């Protein structure tokens, strides 16, 4: 008879999934804005044209890099890495004045201090 290891690790809490999903949605929002400004000549107030496309493009690239860092931190169970990636994500939003980026980063940082998320990162295999 074989023995099955039922200790597969502490499950990810829903609040950690919220951080993940919000950051993923932020990338899609940036992509939608990029497409709107590039191909549909979208203009919001005085923002528009090639300079807006360039700024949104580099902001989106920054979001993708920090999202990869967030995923790596979750996989390695590094809460310091997660928080550093979220703070970096917040700073990336400054040049574009991306208020949604600020809000998502602040929400993610706040959620990283909740008890279920801290417990997930504190768990170690036996």
Protein backbone atom coordinates (compact mmCIF):
# COMPACT_ATOMS: atom_id res chain seq x y z
CA UNK A 1 0.00 0.00 0.00
CA UNK A 2 1.29 3.46 -0.82
CA UNK A 3 1.26 6.45 1.43
CA UNK A 4 -0.10 9.72 0.13
CA UNK A 5 1.36 12.92 1.48
CA UNK A 6 -1.61 15.09 2.41
CA UNK A 7 0.53 17.99 3.60
CA UNK A 8 0.67 19.95 0.34
CA UNK A 9 1.37 23.27 2.00
CA UNK A 10 -0.59 26.08 3.48
CA UNK A 11 -3.22 27.23 0.94
CA UNK A 12 -3.13 30.73 -0.47
CA UNK A 13 -5.57 33.02 1.35
CA UNK A 14 -8.24 34.87 -0.64
CA UNK A 15 -6.69 38.24 0.20
CA UNK A 16 -3.45 37.19 -1.47
CA UNK A 17 -5.46 36.22 -4.53
CA UNK A 18 -7.04 39.69 -4.48
CA UNK A 19 -3.56 41.27 -4.63
CA UNK A 20 -2.68 39.02 -7.56
CA UNK A 21 -5.90 39.69 -9.49
CA UNK A 22 -5.87 43.46 -8.97
CA UNK A 23 -2.32 43.71 -10.27
CA UNK A 24 -3.17 41.53 -13.27
CA UNK A 25 -6.21 43.69 -14.06
CA UNK A 26 -4.05 46.80 -13.85
CA UNK A 27 -1.88 45.45 -16.66
CA UNK A 28 -4.96 44.85 -18.83
CA UNK A 29 -6.21 48.36 -18.07
CA UNK A 30 -2.87 49.81 -19.18
CA UNK A 31 -3.02 47.69 -22.33
CA UNK A 32 -6.54 48.94 -23.08
CA UNK A 33 -5.44 52.54 -22.61
CA UNK A 34 -2.42 51.94 -24.82
CA UNK A 35 -4.62 50.58 -27.59
CA UNK A 36 -7.10 53.42 -27.16
CA UNK A 37 -4.46 56.13 -27.35
CA UNK A 38 -2.50 54.47 -30.16
CA UNK A 39 -5.19 53.26 -32.54
CA UNK A 40 -8.34 55.19 -31.67
CA UNK A 41 -6.79 58.63 -31.01
CA UNK A 42 -8.20 58.70 -27.51
CA UNK A 43 -7.63 61.96 -25.68
CA UNK A 44 -8.36 62.55 -22.01
CA UNK A 45 -8.21 66.25 -21.19
CA UNK A 46 -4.86 67.45 -22.44
CA UNK A 47 -3.34 63.95 -22.46
CA UNK A 48 -3.05 62.39 -25.88
CA UNK A 49 -0.81 61.77 -28.84
CA UNK A 50 2.49 59.95 -29.16
CA UNK A 51 3.88 61.14 -25.82
CA UNK A 52 0.93 59.58 -23.98
CA UNK A 53 1.38 56.31 -25.88
CA UNK A 54 5.06 56.17 -24.92
CA UNK A 55 4.34 56.96 -21.28
CA UNK A 56 1.58 54.35 -21.05
CA UNK A 57 3.76 51.77 -22.80
CA UNK A 58 6.64 52.14 -20.34
CA UNK A 59 4.26 52.23 -17.40
CA UNK A 60 2.69 48.98 -18.62
CA UNK A 61 6.13 47.38 -18.98
CA UNK A 62 6.90 48.44 -15.41
CA UNK A 63 3.63 46.91 -14.21
CA UNK A 64 4.48 43.64 -15.98
CA UNK A 65 7.94 43.50 -14.37
CA UNK A 66 6.58 44.20 -10.90
CA UNK A 67 3.78 41.67 -11.46
CA UNK A 68 6.45 39.06 -12.24
CA UNK A 69 8.23 40.05 -9.02
CA UNK A 70 4.96 39.70 -7.09
CA UNK A 71 4.40 36.22 -8.51
CA UNK A 72 8.00 35.20 -7.73
CA UNK A 73 7.60 36.51 -4.17
CA UNK A 74 4.41 34.55 -3.68
CA UNK A 75 6.01 31.36 -4.99
CA UNK A 76 9.11 31.83 -2.80
CA UNK A 77 6.96 32.96 0.17
CA UNK A 78 8.90 36.19 0.58
CA UNK A 79 6.72 38.85 2.16
CA UNK A 80 9.57 41.37 1.97
CA UNK A 81 9.84 40.75 -1.78
CA UNK A 82 6.07 41.13 -2.16
CA UNK A 83 6.01 44.43 -0.32
CA UNK A 84 9.08 45.73 -2.18
CA UNK A 85 7.43 44.87 -5.51
CA UNK A 86 4.21 46.63 -4.46
CA UNK A 87 6.10 49.77 -3.36
CA UNK A 88 8.02 49.74 -6.65
CA UNK A 89 4.70 49.35 -8.46
CA UNK A 90 3.41 52.43 -6.60
CA UNK A 91 6.48 54.43 -7.67
CA UNK A 92 6.08 53.35 -11.30
CA UNK A 93 2.64 54.99 -11.34
CA UNK A 94 4.05 58.46 -10.53
CA UNK A 95 5.27 59.57 -14.00
CA UNK A 96 1.94 58.63 -15.60
CA UNK A 97 -0.09 60.01 -12.67
CA UNK A 98 -1.95 56.71 -12.78
CA UNK A 99 -4.45 57.04 -9.95
CA UNK A 100 -5.72 53.50 -10.46
CA UNK A 101 -2.12 52.30 -10.13
CA UNK A 102 -1.75 54.24 -6.87
CA UNK A 103 -5.00 52.79 -5.51
CA UNK A 104 -4.19 49.19 -6.45
CA UNK A 105 -0.71 49.47 -4.93
CA UNK A 106 -2.04 50.95 -1.69
CA UNK A 107 -4.75 48.29 -1.46
CA UNK A 108 -2.21 45.54 -2.14
CA UNK A 109 0.21 46.93 0.42
CA UNK A 110 -2.56 47.17 3.00
CA UNK A 111 -3.69 43.62 2.31
CA UNK A 112 -0.12 42.36 2.75
CA UNK A 113 -0.34 43.35 6.42
CA UNK A 114 -3.46 41.27 7.14
CA UNK A 115 -3.18 38.21 9.36
CA UNK A 116 -4.05 35.55 6.71
CA UNK A 117 -1.44 36.88 4.29
CA UNK A 118 1.24 37.11 6.98
CA UNK A 119 0.38 33.57 8.08
CA UNK A 120 0.77 32.30 4.51
CA UNK A 121 4.25 33.76 4.23
CA UNK A 122 5.23 32.49 7.70
CA UNK A 123 4.29 28.86 6.89
CA UNK A 124 7.21 26.50 6.25
CA UNK A 125 7.06 22.83 5.26
CA UNK A 126 7.65 20.28 8.03
